[in-house]
Amino acid sequence: MSAAPPLPVPKRRRLFRRGPWEAAATAAIAIGIVMLMQPVSLTLYSWSFVTILAGTVGFIIVSHFPD
């Protein structure tokens, strides 16, 4: 018996792939760490925790997306 050909993936499902979103969440975490460690701007330092938290929450959500 031959297997059925794979069905085309809808564009909506392609939008929710894990790889690019994990990279974006990791980049947000890295940007937040850089903002935390820079000695120049108090505003960047103030927003660093929010940026790290958003990246972490985003990573947790994205980790449930399909490969």
PDB file of N, CA and C in Angstrom:
ATOM      1  N   MET A   1       0.825  -1.186   0.000  1.00  0.00           N
ATOM      2  CA  MET A   1       0.000   0.000   0.000  1.00  0.00           C
ATOM      3  C   MET A   1       0.867   1.247   0.000  1.00  0.00           C
ATOM      4  N   SER A   2       0.490   2.196  -0.785  1.00  0.00           N
ATOM      5  CA  SER A   2       1.249   3.443  -0.810  1.00  0.00           C
ATOM      6  C   SER A   2       0.610   4.468   0.129  1.00  0.00           C
ATOM      7  N   ALA A   3       1.439   5.291   0.687  1.00  0.00           N
ATOM      8  CA  ALA A   3       0.951   6.313   1.627  1.00  0.00           C
ATOM      9  C   ALA A   3       0.311   7.454   0.842  1.00  0.00           C
ATOM     10  N   ALA A   4      -0.637   8.092   1.459  1.00  0.00           N
ATOM     11  CA  ALA A   4      -1.294   9.235   0.825  1.00  0.00           C
ATOM     12  C   ALA A   4      -0.313  10.402   0.753  1.00  0.00           C
ATOM     13  N   PRO A   5      -0.394  11.206  -0.305  1.00  0.00           N
ATOM     14  CA  PRO A   5       0.508  12.358  -0.404  1.00  0.00           C
ATOM     15  C   PRO A   5       0.209  13.357   0.712  1.00  0.00           C
ATOM     16  N   PRO A   6       1.230  14.067   1.194  1.00  0.00           N
ATOM     17  CA  PRO A   6       1.004  15.021   2.283  1.00  0.00           C
ATOM     18  C   PRO A   6       0.121  16.182   1.829  1.00  0.00           C
ATOM     19  N   LEU A   7      -0.722  16.600   2.727  1.00  0.00           N
ATOM     20  CA  LEU A   7      -1.598  17.730   2.420  1.00  0.00           C
ATOM     21  C   LEU A   7      -0.812  19.026   2.497  1.00  0.00           C
ATOM     22  N   PRO A   8      -1.150  20.007   1.670  1.00  0.00           N
ATOM     23  CA  PRO A   8      -0.437  21.280   1.745  1.00  0.00           C
ATOM     24  C   PRO A   8      -0.747  21.983   3.071  1.00  0.00           C
ATOM     25  N   VAL A   9       0.256  22.634   3.615  1.00  0.00           N
ATOM     26  CA  VAL A   9       0.093  23.323   4.891  1.00  0.00           C
ATOM     27  C   VAL A   9      -0.534  24.686   4.616  1.00  0.00           C
ATOM     28  N   PRO A  10      -1.644  25.007   5.279  1.00  0.00           N
ATOM     29  CA  PRO A  10      -2.254  26.326   5.074  1.00  0.00           C
ATOM     30  C   PRO A  10      -1.313  27.438   5.518  1.00  0.00           C
ATOM     31  N   LYS A  11      -1.482  28.621   4.921  1.00  0.00           N
ATOM     32  CA  LYS A  11      -0.608  29.740   5.247  1.00  0.00           C
ATOM     33  C   LYS A  11      -0.707  30.118   6.721  1.00  0.00           C
ATOM     34  N   ARG A  12      -1.866  29.966   7.291  1.00  0.00           N
ATOM     35  CA  ARG A  12      -2.043  30.320   8.704  1.00  0.00           C
ATOM     36  C   ARG A  12      -1.179  29.432   9.588  1.00  0.00           C
ATOM     37  N   ARG A  13      -1.075  28.158   9.263  1.00  0.00           N
ATOM     38  CA  ARG A  13      -0.251  27.244  10.062  1.00  0.00           C
ATOM     39  C   ARG A  13       1.227  27.530   9.867  1.00  0.00           C
ATOM     40  N   ARG A  14       1.603  27.985   8.660  1.00  0.00           N
ATOM     41  CA  ARG A  14       3.005  28.305   8.425  1.00  0.00           C
ATOM     42  C   ARG A  14       3.442  29.509   9.247  1.00  0.00           C
ATOM     43  N   LEU A  15       2.503  30.379   9.583  1.00  0.00           N
ATOM     44  CA  LEU A  15       2.810  31.556  10.376  1.00  0.00           C
ATOM     45  C   LEU A  15       3.202  31.174  11.789  1.00  0.00           C
ATOM     46  N   PHE A  16       2.652  30.077  12.289  1.00  0.00           N
ATOM     47  CA  PHE A  16       2.895  29.655  13.658  1.00  0.00           C
ATOM     48  C   PHE A  16       3.921  28.530  13.739  1.00  0.00           C
ATOM     49  N   ARG A  17       5.035  28.675  13.060  1.00  0.00           N
ATOM     50  CA  ARG A  17       6.135  27.729  13.157  1.00  0.00           C
ATOM     51  C   ARG A  17       7.013  28.120  14.339  1.00  0.00           C
ATOM     52  N   ARG A  18       7.594  27.140  14.980  1.00  0.00           N
ATOM     53  CA  ARG A  18       8.346  27.382  16.202  1.00  0.00           C
ATOM     54  C   ARG A  18       9.662  28.120  15.957  1.00  0.00           C
ATOM     55  N   GLY A  19      10.378  27.778  14.922  1.00  0.00           N
ATOM     56  CA  GLY A  19      11.732  28.291  14.711  1.00  0.00           C
ATOM     57  C   GLY A  19      11.878  29.808  14.723  1.00  0.00           C
ATOM     58  N   PRO A  20      11.191  30.520  13.831  1.00  0.00           N
ATOM     59  CA  PRO A  20      11.372  31.977  13.798  1.00  0.00           C
ATOM     60  C   PRO A  20      10.886  32.670  15.067  1.00  0.00           C
ATOM     61  N   TRP A  21       9.813  32.166  15.652  1.00  0.00           N
ATOM     62  CA  TRP A  21       9.275  32.801  16.861  1.00  0.00           C
ATOM     63  C   TRP A  21      10.189  32.551  18.054  1.00  0.00           C
ATOM     64  N   GLU A  22      10.797  31.368  18.135  1.00  0.00           N
ATOM     65  CA  GLU A  22      11.755  31.111  19.211  1.00  0.00           C
ATOM     66  C   GLU A  22      12.961  32.020  19.070  1.00  0.00           C
ATOM     67  N   ALA A  23      13.404  32.227  17.847  1.00  0.00           N
ATOM     68  CA  ALA A  23      14.535  33.125  17.630  1.00  0.00           C
ATOM     69  C   ALA A  23      14.191  34.553  18.046  1.00  0.00           C
ATOM     70  N   ALA A  24      12.975  34.999  17.745  1.00  0.00           N
ATOM     71  CA  ALA A  24      12.559  36.352  18.131  1.00  0.00           C
ATOM     72  C   ALA A  24      12.446  36.484  19.651  1.00  0.00           C
ATOM     73  N   ALA A  25      11.913  35.460  20.307  1.00  0.00           N
ATOM     74  CA  ALA A  25      11.798  35.504  21.771  1.00  0.00           C
ATOM     75  C   ALA A  25      13.179  35.491  22.416  1.00  0.00           C
ATOM     76  N   THR A  26      14.086  34.696  21.880  1.00  0.00           N
ATOM     77  CA  THR A  26      15.447  34.657  22.404  1.00  0.00           C
ATOM     78  C   THR A  26      16.142  35.995  22.188  1.00  0.00           C
ATOM     79  N   ALA A  27      15.909  36.617  21.047  1.00  0.00           N
ATOM     80  CA  ALA A  27      16.488  37.935  20.781  1.00  0.00           C
ATOM     81  C   ALA A  27      15.936  38.976  21.753  1.00  0.00           C
ATOM     82  N   ALA A  28      14.647  38.891  22.069  1.00  0.00           N
ATOM     83  CA  ALA A  28      14.061  39.832  23.031  1.00  0.00           C
ATOM     84  C   ALA A  28      14.690  39.662  24.408  1.00  0.00           C
ATOM     85  N   ILE A  29      14.935  38.432  24.812  1.00  0.00           N
ATOM     86  CA  ILE A  29      15.590  38.182  26.090  1.00  0.00           C
ATOM     87  C   ILE A  29      17.012  38.749  26.075  1.00  0.00           C
ATOM     88  N   ALA A  30      17.727  38.519  24.987  1.00  0.00           N
ATOM     89  CA  ALA A  30      19.101  39.024  24.874  1.00  0.00           C
ATOM     90  C   ALA A  30      19.128  40.556  24.881  1.00  0.00           C
ATOM     91  N   ILE A  31      18.195  41.185  24.191  1.00  0.00           N
ATOM     92  CA  ILE A  31      18.122  42.647  24.184  1.00  0.00           C
ATOM     93  C   ILE A  31      17.833  43.166  25.586  1.00  0.00           C
ATOM     94  N   GLY A  32      16.951  42.488  26.304  1.00  0.00           N
ATOM     95  CA  GLY A  32      16.654  42.884  27.675  1.00  0.00           C
ATOM     96  C   GLY A  32      17.867  42.779  28.583  1.00  0.00           C
ATOM     97  N   ILE A  33      18.688  41.754  28.393  1.00  0.00           N
ATOM     98  CA  ILE A  33      19.897  41.603  29.202  1.00  0.00           C
ATOM     99  C   ILE A  33      20.900  42.704  28.872  1.00  0.00           C
ATOM    100  N   VAL A  34      21.024  43.029  27.596  1.00  0.00           N
ATOM    101  CA  VAL A  34      21.917  44.128  27.211  1.00  0.00           C
ATOM    102  C   VAL A  34      21.414  45.443  27.805  1.00  0.00           C
ATOM    103  N   MET A  35      20.107  45.653  27.771  1.00  0.00           N
ATOM    104  CA  MET A  35      19.531  46.857  28.368  1.00  0.00           C
ATOM    105  C   MET A  35      19.802  46.903  29.878  1.00  0.00           C
ATOM    106  N   LEU A  36      19.800  45.762  30.527  1.00  0.00           N
ATOM    107  CA  LEU A  36      20.035  45.683  31.962  1.00  0.00           C
ATOM    108  C   LEU A  36      21.482  46.021  32.312  1.00  0.00           C
ATOM    109  N   MET A  37      22.415  45.654  31.443  1.00  0.00           N
ATOM    110  CA  MET A  37      23.824  45.793  31.764  1.00  0.00           C
ATOM    111  C   MET A  37      24.469  47.071  31.229  1.00  0.00           C
ATOM    112  N   GLN A  38      23.746  47.854  30.449  1.00  0.00           N
ATOM    113  CA  GLN A  38      24.351  49.072  29.904  1.00  0.00           C
ATOM    114  C   GLN A  38      24.378  50.166  30.973  1.00  0.00           C
ATOM    115  N   PRO A  39      25.428  51.008  30.984  1.00  0.00           N
ATOM    116  CA  PRO A  39      25.555  52.020  32.034  1.00  0.00           C
ATOM    117  C   PRO A  39      25.096  53.421  31.631  1.00  0.00           C
ATOM    118  N   VAL A  40      24.431  53.584  30.498  1.00  0.00           N
ATOM    119  CA  VAL A  40      24.198  54.913  29.944  1.00  0.00           C
ATOM    120  C   VAL A  40      22.812  55.463  30.262  1.00  0.00           C
ATOM    121  N   SER A  41      21.779  54.710  29.986  1.00  0.00           N
ATOM    122  CA  SER A  41      20.419  55.240  30.039  1.00  0.00           C
ATOM    123  C   SER A  41      19.602  54.576  31.149  1.00  0.00           C
ATOM    124  N   LEU A  42      19.053  55.389  32.013  1.00  0.00           N
ATOM    125  CA  LEU A  42      18.200  54.874  33.082  1.00  0.00           C
ATOM    126  C   LEU A  42      16.874  54.365  32.514  1.00  0.00           C
ATOM    127  N   THR A  43      16.407  54.949  31.425  1.00  0.00           N
ATOM    128  CA  THR A  43      15.164  54.504  30.789  1.00  0.00           C
ATOM    129  C   THR A  43      15.312  53.082  30.248  1.00  0.00           C
ATOM    130  N   LEU A  44      16.421  52.807  29.567  1.00  0.00           N
ATOM    131  CA  LEU A  44      16.653  51.452  29.065  1.00  0.00           C
ATOM    132  C   LEU A  44      16.752  50.462  30.215  1.00  0.00           C
ATOM    133  N   TYR A  45      17.443  50.856  31.284  1.00  0.00           N
ATOM    134  CA  TYR A  45      17.554  49.996  32.455  1.00  0.00           C
ATOM    135  C   TYR A  45      16.176  49.730  33.061  1.00  0.00           C
ATOM    136  N   SER A  46      15.327  50.744  33.106  1.00  0.00           N
ATOM    137  CA  SER A  46      13.994  50.601  33.695  1.00  0.00           C
ATOM    138  C   SER A  46      13.120  49.634  32.903  1.00  0.00           C
ATOM    139  N   TRP A  47      13.267  49.627  31.601  1.00  0.00           N
ATOM    140  CA  TRP A  47      12.444  48.767  30.748  1.00  0.00           C
ATOM    141  C   TRP A  47      13.063  47.384  30.525  1.00  0.00           C
ATOM    142  N   SER A  48      14.252  47.139  31.057  1.00  0.00           N
ATOM    143  CA  SER A  48      14.927  45.866  30.786  1.00  0.00           C
ATOM    144  C   SER A  48      14.177  44.682  31.380  1.00  0.00           C
ATOM    145  N   PHE A  49      13.658  44.815  32.603  1.00  0.00           N
ATOM    146  CA  PHE A  49      12.952  43.687  33.217  1.00  0.00           C
ATOM    147  C   PHE A  49      11.693  43.351  32.427  1.00  0.00           C
ATOM    148  N   VAL A  50      10.967  44.370  31.978  1.00  0.00           N
ATOM    149  CA  VAL A  50       9.751  44.137  31.192  1.00  0.00           C
ATOM    150  C   VAL A  50      10.101  43.420  29.886  1.00  0.00           C
ATOM    151  N   THR A  51      11.211  43.818  29.270  1.00  0.00           N
ATOM    152  CA  THR A  51      11.637  43.195  28.011  1.00  0.00           C
ATOM    153  C   THR A  51      12.030  41.733  28.225  1.00  0.00           C
ATOM    154  N   ILE A  52      12.782  41.471  29.281  1.00  0.00           N
ATOM    155  CA  ILE A  52      13.170  40.084  29.590  1.00  0.00           C
ATOM    156  C   ILE A  52      11.933  39.250  29.905  1.00  0.00           C
ATOM    157  N   LEU A  53      11.016  39.805  30.674  1.00  0.00           N
ATOM    158  CA  LEU A  53       9.794  39.082  31.027  1.00  0.00           C
ATOM    159  C   LEU A  53       8.944  38.785  29.788  1.00  0.00           C
ATOM    160  N   ALA A  54       8.799  39.768  28.900  1.00  0.00           N
ATOM    161  CA  ALA A  54       8.025  39.556  27.668  1.00  0.00           C
ATOM    162  C   ALA A  54       8.681  38.483  26.795  1.00  0.00           C
ATOM    163  N   GLY A  55       9.999  38.506  26.692  1.00  0.00           N
ATOM    164  CA  GLY A  55      10.698  37.478  25.921  1.00  0.00           C
ATOM    165  C   GLY A  55      10.535  36.098  26.522  1.00  0.00           C
ATOM    166  N   THR A  56      10.568  36.021  27.845  1.00  0.00           N
ATOM    167  CA  THR A  56      10.416  34.734  28.520  1.00  0.00           C
ATOM    168  C   THR A  56       9.004  34.176  28.343  1.00  0.00           C
ATOM    169  N   VAL A  57       8.008  35.029  28.544  1.00  0.00           N
ATOM    170  CA  VAL A  57       6.618  34.589  28.349  1.00  0.00           C
ATOM    171  C   VAL A  57       6.391  34.200  26.896  1.00  0.00           C
ATOM    172  N   GLY A  58       6.940  34.997  25.973  1.00  0.00           N
ATOM    173  CA  GLY A  58       6.827  34.666  24.558  1.00  0.00           C
ATOM    174  C   GLY A  58       7.470  33.328  24.237  1.00  0.00           C
ATOM    175  N   PHE A  59       8.621  33.059  24.824  1.00  0.00           N
ATOM    176  CA  PHE A  59       9.296  31.783  24.584  1.00  0.00           C
ATOM    177  C   PHE A  59       8.473  30.620  25.113  1.00  0.00           C
ATOM    178  N   ILE A  60       7.855  30.793  26.277  1.00  0.00           N
ATOM    179  CA  ILE A  60       7.030  29.725  26.834  1.00  0.00           C
ATOM    180  C   ILE A  60       5.839  29.442  25.930  1.00  0.00           C
ATOM    181  N   ILE A  61       5.213  30.491  25.425  1.00  0.00           N
ATOM    182  CA  ILE A  61       4.058  30.324  24.521  1.00  0.00           C
ATOM    183  C   ILE A  61       4.481  29.676  23.215  1.00  0.00           C
ATOM    184  N   VAL A  62       5.583  30.163  22.658  1.00  0.00           N
ATOM    185  CA  VAL A  62       6.060  29.671  21.355  1.00  0.00           C
ATOM    186  C   VAL A  62       6.516  28.218  21.452  1.00  0.00           C
ATOM    187  N   SER A  63       6.950  27.789  22.610  1.00  0.00           N
ATOM    188  CA  SER A  63       7.434  26.410  22.732  1.00  0.00           C
ATOM    189  C   SER A  63       6.314  25.406  22.527  1.00  0.00           C
ATOM    190  N   HIS A  64       5.067  25.856  22.515  1.00  0.00           N
ATOM    191  CA  HIS A  64       3.933  24.960  22.262  1.00  0.00           C
ATOM    192  C   HIS A  64       3.507  24.965  20.785  1.00  0.00           C
ATOM    193  N   PHE A  65       4.151  25.784  19.950  1.00  0.00           N
ATOM    194  CA  PHE A  65       3.842  25.809  18.520  1.00  0.00           C
ATOM    195  C   PHE A  65       4.389  24.542  17.866  1.00  0.00           C
ATOM    196  N   PRO A  66       3.813  24.143  16.728  1.00  0.00           N
ATOM    197  CA  PRO A  66       4.340  22.961  16.026  1.00  0.00           C
ATOM    198  C   PRO A  66       5.681  23.256  15.374  1.00  0.00           C
ATOM    199  N   ASP A  67       6.458  22.213  15.143  1.00  0.00           N
ATOM    200  CA  ASP A  67       7.765  22.382  14.476  1.00  0.00           C
ATOM    201  C   ASP A  67       7.564  22.724  13.079  1.00  0.00           C
TER     202      ASP A  67
END
